[in-house]
Amino acid sequence: GLYDDAEAEFRKAIVLEGDDPNFLLLLARVTALRGDGAAAARSVRQAIHGARHTFVSDYHIAAAYSGMGEKQMTIDRLRKAYAQRSGWLAWLKVDPKFQKLRDEPAFTDLLDTLGLR
């Protein structure tokens, strides 16, 4: 819940790491949770653009979209993470970033596909 503090730390990391798309996604999630959806959307777009040069797991993009309340985009990116064989999916059932999706049929279908339900 310390979104302002988290945002400040992620901004420092971005300066140190040179706009690493992974840090931009962390920033997007926290700014969305803080209530600034427009800034979050800009960070996601910038991260996706940066993913052309640096690997970014769709799992992390899904986490940013989840923070923005974009359920369908979250599910779509989680499916892409599955296609990427993202190791992060092992935590999907218990990851609090996806708590609001627990009752969504598409989410439970994905858990079934992963053998996690």
N, C-alpha and C. Protein backbone atom coordinates (compact mmCIF):
# COMPACT_ATOMS: atom_id res chain seq x y z
N GLY A 1 0.78 -1.20 0.00
CA GLY A 1 0.00 0.00 0.00
C GLY A 1 0.83 1.28 0.00
N LEU A 2 2.13 1.16 0.02
CA LEU A 2 3.00 2.35 0.02
C LEU A 2 3.34 2.71 -1.43
N TYR A 3 2.30 3.04 -2.18
CA TYR A 3 2.46 3.25 -3.62
C TYR A 3 3.37 4.42 -3.96
N ASP A 4 3.28 5.51 -3.24
CA ASP A 4 4.14 6.66 -3.54
C ASP A 4 5.61 6.30 -3.34
N ASP A 5 5.90 5.59 -2.24
CA ASP A 5 7.28 5.16 -1.96
C ASP A 5 7.76 4.18 -3.03
N ALA A 6 6.89 3.24 -3.40
CA ALA A 6 7.25 2.26 -4.41
C ALA A 6 7.51 2.95 -5.75
N GLU A 7 6.66 3.89 -6.10
CA GLU A 7 6.85 4.61 -7.36
C GLU A 7 8.20 5.33 -7.37
N ALA A 8 8.54 5.98 -6.28
CA ALA A 8 9.83 6.69 -6.21
C ALA A 8 11.00 5.73 -6.39
N GLU A 9 10.91 4.55 -5.79
CA GLU A 9 11.99 3.57 -5.91
C GLU A 9 12.10 3.02 -7.33
N PHE A 10 10.96 2.75 -7.95
CA PHE A 10 10.99 2.26 -9.33
C PHE A 10 11.54 3.32 -10.28
N ARG A 11 11.21 4.57 -10.02
CA ARG A 11 11.75 5.65 -10.86
C ARG A 11 13.27 5.73 -10.73
N LYS A 12 13.78 5.52 -9.51
CA LYS A 12 15.24 5.49 -9.32
C LYS A 12 15.85 4.33 -10.10
N ALA A 13 15.22 3.18 -10.03
CA ALA A 13 15.72 2.00 -10.74
C ALA A 13 15.74 2.23 -12.24
N ILE A 14 14.72 2.89 -12.75
CA ILE A 14 14.66 3.17 -14.19
C ILE A 14 15.80 4.08 -14.61
N VAL A 15 16.10 5.07 -13.80
CA VAL A 15 17.24 5.96 -14.11
C VAL A 15 18.53 5.16 -14.11
N LEU A 16 18.71 4.29 -13.12
CA LEU A 16 19.93 3.50 -13.01
C LEU A 16 20.05 2.45 -14.11
N GLU A 17 18.94 1.88 -14.53
CA GLU A 17 18.95 0.79 -15.51
C GLU A 17 18.67 1.24 -16.93
N GLY A 18 18.40 2.51 -17.15
CA GLY A 18 18.20 3.01 -18.50
C GLY A 18 16.91 2.56 -19.16
N ASP A 19 15.80 2.82 -18.53
CA ASP A 19 14.48 2.50 -19.10
C ASP A 19 14.28 1.01 -19.37
N ASP A 20 14.78 0.16 -18.52
CA ASP A 20 14.55 -1.28 -18.65
C ASP A 20 13.04 -1.52 -18.66
N PRO A 21 12.51 -2.20 -19.67
CA PRO A 21 11.07 -2.40 -19.77
C PRO A 21 10.47 -3.12 -18.56
N ASN A 22 11.26 -3.97 -17.93
CA ASN A 22 10.74 -4.69 -16.77
C ASN A 22 10.46 -3.74 -15.61
N PHE A 23 11.33 -2.77 -15.41
CA PHE A 23 11.09 -1.77 -14.37
C PHE A 23 9.93 -0.85 -14.74
N LEU A 24 9.81 -0.57 -16.03
CA LEU A 24 8.67 0.25 -16.48
C LEU A 24 7.34 -0.44 -16.17
N LEU A 25 7.31 -1.77 -16.28
CA LEU A 25 6.08 -2.50 -15.97
C LEU A 25 5.79 -2.47 -14.47
N LEU A 26 6.82 -2.56 -13.67
CA LEU A 26 6.62 -2.44 -12.22
C LEU A 26 6.09 -1.05 -11.88
N LEU A 27 6.66 -0.05 -12.54
CA LEU A 27 6.19 1.32 -12.34
C LEU A 27 4.73 1.44 -12.79
N ALA A 28 4.40 0.85 -13.93
CA ALA A 28 3.02 0.91 -14.44
C ALA A 28 2.04 0.34 -13.43
N ARG A 29 2.38 -0.81 -12.86
CA ARG A 29 1.47 -1.44 -11.90
C ARG A 29 1.25 -0.54 -10.68
N VAL A 30 2.32 0.00 -10.15
CA VAL A 30 2.18 0.79 -8.93
C VAL A 30 1.48 2.12 -9.21
N THR A 31 1.73 2.73 -10.36
CA THR A 31 1.03 3.98 -10.66
C THR A 31 -0.45 3.72 -10.90
N ALA A 32 -0.77 2.56 -11.49
CA ALA A 32 -2.19 2.21 -11.66
C ALA A 32 -2.86 2.02 -10.30
N LEU A 33 -2.19 1.33 -9.41
CA LEU A 33 -2.76 1.10 -8.07
C LEU A 33 -2.88 2.40 -7.29
N ARG A 34 -2.00 3.35 -7.59
CA ARG A 34 -2.05 4.66 -6.94
C ARG A 34 -3.20 5.49 -7.52
N GLY A 35 -3.71 5.07 -8.69
CA GLY A 35 -4.86 5.76 -9.25
C GLY A 35 -4.58 6.56 -10.51
N ASP A 36 -3.36 6.47 -11.04
CA ASP A 36 -3.03 7.22 -12.24
C ASP A 36 -2.98 6.28 -13.44
N GLY A 37 -4.14 5.94 -13.95
CA GLY A 37 -4.25 5.01 -15.06
C GLY A 37 -3.58 5.50 -16.33
N ALA A 38 -3.63 6.79 -16.58
CA ALA A 38 -3.01 7.34 -17.80
C ALA A 38 -1.50 7.16 -17.76
N ALA A 39 -0.88 7.44 -16.63
CA ALA A 39 0.57 7.25 -16.50
C ALA A 39 0.92 5.77 -16.60
N ALA A 40 0.09 4.92 -16.02
CA ALA A 40 0.32 3.48 -16.10
C ALA A 40 0.27 3.01 -17.55
N ALA A 41 -0.72 3.47 -18.29
CA ALA A 41 -0.85 3.08 -19.70
C ALA A 41 0.36 3.53 -20.51
N ARG A 42 0.86 4.74 -20.24
CA ARG A 42 2.06 5.23 -20.93
C ARG A 42 3.26 4.33 -20.63
N SER A 43 3.41 3.95 -19.37
CA SER A 43 4.54 3.09 -19.00
C SER A 43 4.44 1.72 -19.66
N VAL A 44 3.22 1.18 -19.76
CA VAL A 44 3.05 -0.12 -20.42
C VAL A 44 3.41 0.00 -21.90
N ARG A 45 2.93 1.03 -22.56
CA ARG A 45 3.26 1.22 -23.98
C ARG A 45 4.77 1.35 -24.17
N GLN A 46 5.41 2.10 -23.29
CA GLN A 46 6.85 2.29 -23.39
C GLN A 46 7.58 0.97 -23.15
N ALA A 47 7.09 0.18 -22.20
CA ALA A 47 7.72 -1.12 -21.92
C ALA A 47 7.55 -2.08 -23.08
N ILE A 48 6.37 -2.12 -23.67
CA ILE A 48 6.14 -3.00 -24.81
C ILE A 48 7.03 -2.59 -25.98
N HIS A 49 7.17 -1.29 -26.18
CA HIS A 49 8.07 -0.81 -27.22
C HIS A 49 9.51 -1.24 -26.92
N GLY A 50 9.92 -1.12 -25.67
CA GLY A 50 11.27 -1.51 -25.27
C GLY A 50 11.51 -3.00 -25.34
N ALA A 51 10.44 -3.78 -25.33
CA ALA A 51 10.57 -5.23 -25.39
C ALA A 51 11.08 -5.70 -26.74
N ARG A 52 11.18 -4.81 -27.69
CA ARG A 52 11.76 -5.17 -28.98
C ARG A 52 13.26 -5.46 -28.86
N HIS A 53 13.87 -4.90 -27.80
CA HIS A 53 15.32 -5.03 -27.62
C HIS A 53 15.71 -5.79 -26.37
N THR A 54 14.78 -5.96 -25.45
CA THR A 54 15.03 -6.63 -24.17
C THR A 54 13.90 -7.60 -23.91
N PHE A 55 14.22 -8.83 -23.48
CA PHE A 55 13.15 -9.78 -23.21
C PHE A 55 12.29 -9.30 -22.05
N VAL A 56 10.99 -9.38 -22.25
CA VAL A 56 10.02 -9.05 -21.22
C VAL A 56 8.99 -10.17 -21.20
N SER A 57 8.80 -10.76 -20.05
CA SER A 57 7.79 -11.81 -19.94
C SER A 57 6.40 -11.19 -20.01
N ASP A 58 5.54 -11.83 -20.77
CA ASP A 58 4.15 -11.37 -20.83
C ASP A 58 3.48 -11.50 -19.47
N TYR A 59 4.03 -12.30 -18.60
CA TYR A 59 3.51 -12.40 -17.23
C TYR A 59 3.59 -11.03 -16.55
N HIS A 60 4.69 -10.34 -16.75
CA HIS A 60 4.87 -9.03 -16.13
C HIS A 60 3.98 -7.97 -16.78
N ILE A 61 3.77 -8.10 -18.07
CA ILE A 61 2.84 -7.20 -18.74
C ILE A 61 1.43 -7.45 -18.20
N ALA A 62 1.10 -8.72 -18.00
CA ALA A 62 -0.21 -9.07 -17.42
C ALA A 62 -0.38 -8.46 -16.03
N ALA A 63 0.68 -8.49 -15.23
CA ALA A 63 0.60 -7.92 -13.88
C ALA A 63 0.32 -6.42 -13.94
N ALA A 64 0.92 -5.74 -14.90
CA ALA A 64 0.67 -4.30 -15.05
C ALA A 64 -0.79 -4.07 -15.45
N TYR A 65 -1.27 -4.83 -16.42
CA TYR A 65 -2.67 -4.69 -16.84
C TYR A 65 -3.63 -5.03 -15.70
N SER A 66 -3.26 -6.00 -14.88
CA SER A 66 -4.10 -6.35 -13.74
C SER A 66 -4.22 -5.17 -12.78
N GLY A 67 -3.11 -4.49 -12.53
CA GLY A 67 -3.14 -3.31 -11.67
C GLY A 67 -4.01 -2.21 -12.24
N MET A 68 -4.13 -2.18 -13.57
CA MET A 68 -4.95 -1.17 -14.23
C MET A 68 -6.42 -1.58 -14.29
N GLY A 69 -6.72 -2.81 -13.84
CA GLY A 69 -8.10 -3.28 -13.87
C GLY A 69 -8.53 -3.77 -15.24
N GLU A 70 -7.59 -4.00 -16.13
CA GLU A 70 -7.87 -4.45 -17.50
C GLU A 70 -7.90 -5.98 -17.53
N LYS A 71 -9.04 -6.56 -17.16
CA LYS A 71 -9.13 -8.01 -17.02
C LYS A 71 -8.85 -8.76 -18.31
N GLN A 72 -9.46 -8.34 -19.41
CA GLN A 72 -9.28 -9.08 -20.66
C GLN A 72 -7.84 -8.99 -21.15
N MET A 73 -7.24 -7.80 -21.06
CA MET A 73 -5.84 -7.66 -21.46
C MET A 73 -4.94 -8.51 -20.56
N THR A 74 -5.28 -8.59 -19.28
CA THR A 74 -4.50 -9.41 -18.35
C THR A 74 -4.55 -10.87 -18.77
N ILE A 75 -5.75 -11.37 -19.03
CA ILE A 75 -5.91 -12.77 -19.44
C ILE A 75 -5.17 -13.02 -20.75
N ASP A 76 -5.30 -12.10 -21.71
CA ASP A 76 -4.62 -12.26 -23.00
C ASP A 76 -3.11 -12.37 -22.81
N ARG A 77 -2.57 -11.53 -21.97
CA ARG A 77 -1.12 -11.55 -21.73
C ARG A 77 -0.70 -12.80 -20.94
N LEU A 78 -1.56 -13.27 -20.05
CA LEU A 78 -1.23 -14.52 -19.35
C LEU A 78 -1.21 -15.69 -20.33
N ARG A 79 -2.10 -15.68 -21.29
CA ARG A 79 -2.07 -16.73 -22.33
C ARG A 79 -0.79 -16.64 -23.15
N LYS A 80 -0.35 -15.42 -23.44
CA LYS A 80 0.91 -15.26 -24.16
C LYS A 80 2.08 -15.73 -23.30
N ALA A 81 2.00 -15.48 -22.00
CA ALA A 81 3.04 -15.96 -21.08
C ALA A 81 3.10 -17.49 -21.11
N TYR A 82 1.94 -18.11 -21.22
CA TYR A 82 1.89 -19.57 -21.33
C TYR A 82 2.58 -20.01 -22.62
N ALA A 83 2.31 -19.32 -23.71
CA ALA A 83 2.96 -19.65 -24.99
C ALA A 83 4.47 -19.44 -24.90
N GLN A 84 4.90 -18.47 -24.09
CA GLN A 84 6.33 -18.20 -23.87
C GLN A 84 6.96 -19.24 -22.94
N ARG A 85 6.11 -20.03 -22.29
CA ARG A 85 6.56 -20.99 -21.27
C ARG A 85 7.19 -20.27 -20.07
N SER A 86 6.55 -19.19 -19.69
CA SER A 86 7.06 -18.39 -18.58
C SER A 86 7.04 -19.19 -17.27
N GLY A 87 8.18 -19.22 -16.62
CA GLY A 87 8.28 -19.90 -15.33
C GLY A 87 7.48 -19.22 -14.23
N TRP A 88 7.19 -17.94 -14.45
CA TRP A 88 6.41 -17.19 -13.47
C TRP A 88 5.01 -17.76 -13.29
N LEU A 89 4.49 -18.46 -14.30
CA LEU A 89 3.14 -19.01 -14.22
C LEU A 89 2.99 -20.04 -13.11
N ALA A 90 4.08 -20.58 -12.63
CA ALA A 90 4.02 -21.53 -11.52
C ALA A 90 3.38 -20.89 -10.28
N TRP A 91 3.45 -19.58 -10.19
CA TRP A 91 2.93 -18.84 -9.04
C TRP A 91 1.54 -18.25 -9.27
N LEU A 92 0.98 -18.48 -10.45
CA LEU A 92 -0.25 -17.80 -10.85
C LEU A 92 -1.39 -17.97 -9.86
N LYS A 93 -1.56 -19.16 -9.33
CA LYS A 93 -2.69 -19.43 -8.44
C LYS A 93 -2.62 -18.61 -7.15
N VAL A 94 -1.42 -18.30 -6.70
CA VAL A 94 -1.27 -17.63 -5.41
C VAL A 94 -0.74 -16.20 -5.51
N ASP A 95 -0.38 -15.77 -6.70
CA ASP A 95 0.17 -14.43 -6.87
C ASP A 95 -0.92 -13.38 -6.58
N PRO A 96 -0.71 -12.54 -5.57
CA PRO A 96 -1.75 -11.57 -5.21
C PRO A 96 -2.03 -10.54 -6.30
N LYS A 97 -1.14 -10.39 -7.25
CA LYS A 97 -1.38 -9.43 -8.33
C LYS A 97 -2.60 -9.81 -9.18
N PHE A 98 -2.99 -11.08 -9.10
CA PHE A 98 -4.10 -11.55 -9.92
C PHE A 98 -5.32 -11.95 -9.09
N GLN A 99 -5.37 -11.47 -7.86
CA GLN A 99 -6.46 -11.80 -6.93
C GLN A 99 -7.83 -11.48 -7.52
N LYS A 100 -7.96 -10.36 -8.19
CA LYS A 100 -9.27 -9.94 -8.71
C LYS A 100 -9.75 -10.79 -9.88
N LEU A 101 -8.90 -11.66 -10.38
CA LEU A 101 -9.28 -12.52 -11.50
C LEU A 101 -9.70 -13.92 -11.06
N ARG A 102 -9.59 -14.21 -9.79
CA ARG A 102 -9.81 -15.57 -9.30
C ARG A 102 -11.15 -16.17 -9.72
N ASP A 103 -12.19 -15.37 -9.85
CA ASP A 103 -13.51 -15.88 -10.21
C ASP A 103 -13.82 -15.81 -11.70
N GLU A 104 -12.89 -15.33 -12.49
CA GLU A 104 -13.10 -15.22 -13.93
C GLU A 104 -12.94 -16.59 -14.59
N PRO A 105 -13.93 -17.01 -15.38
CA PRO A 105 -13.83 -18.32 -16.03
C PRO A 105 -12.56 -18.49 -16.87
N ALA A 106 -12.14 -17.47 -17.58
CA ALA A 106 -10.93 -17.58 -18.40
C ALA A 106 -9.70 -17.80 -17.53
N PHE A 107 -9.69 -17.20 -16.35
CA PHE A 107 -8.57 -17.38 -15.42
C PHE A 107 -8.55 -18.80 -14.89
N THR A 108 -9.71 -19.30 -14.47
CA THR A 108 -9.76 -20.67 -13.95
C THR A 108 -9.45 -21.68 -15.05
N ASP A 109 -9.85 -21.38 -16.29
CA ASP A 109 -9.48 -22.25 -17.41
C ASP A 109 -7.96 -22.30 -17.57
N LEU A 110 -7.32 -21.15 -17.43
CA LEU A 110 -5.87 -21.12 -17.55
C LEU A 110 -5.22 -21.91 -16.41
N LEU A 111 -5.76 -21.78 -15.21
CA LEU A 111 -5.24 -22.57 -14.09
C LEU A 111 -5.38 -24.06 -14.38
N ASP A 112 -6.53 -24.44 -14.96
CA ASP A 112 -6.71 -25.86 -15.34
C ASP A 112 -5.67 -26.30 -16.36
N THR A 113 -5.44 -25.47 -17.36
CA THR A 113 -4.45 -25.77 -18.40
C THR A 113 -3.08 -25.99 -17.79
N LEU A 114 -2.78 -25.19 -16.76
CA LEU A 114 -1.48 -25.28 -16.10
C LEU A 114 -1.42 -26.40 -15.07
N GLY A 115 -2.58 -27.00 -14.77
CA GLY A 115 -2.64 -28.04 -13.73
C GLY A 115 -2.53 -27.47 -12.33
N LEU A 116 -3.01 -26.25 -12.15
CA LEU A 116 -2.85 -25.56 -10.86
C LEU A 116 -4.15 -25.43 -10.07
N ARG A 117 -5.26 -25.97 -10.59
CA ARG A 117 -6.50 -25.76 -9.86
C ARG A 117 -6.82 -26.90 -8.95
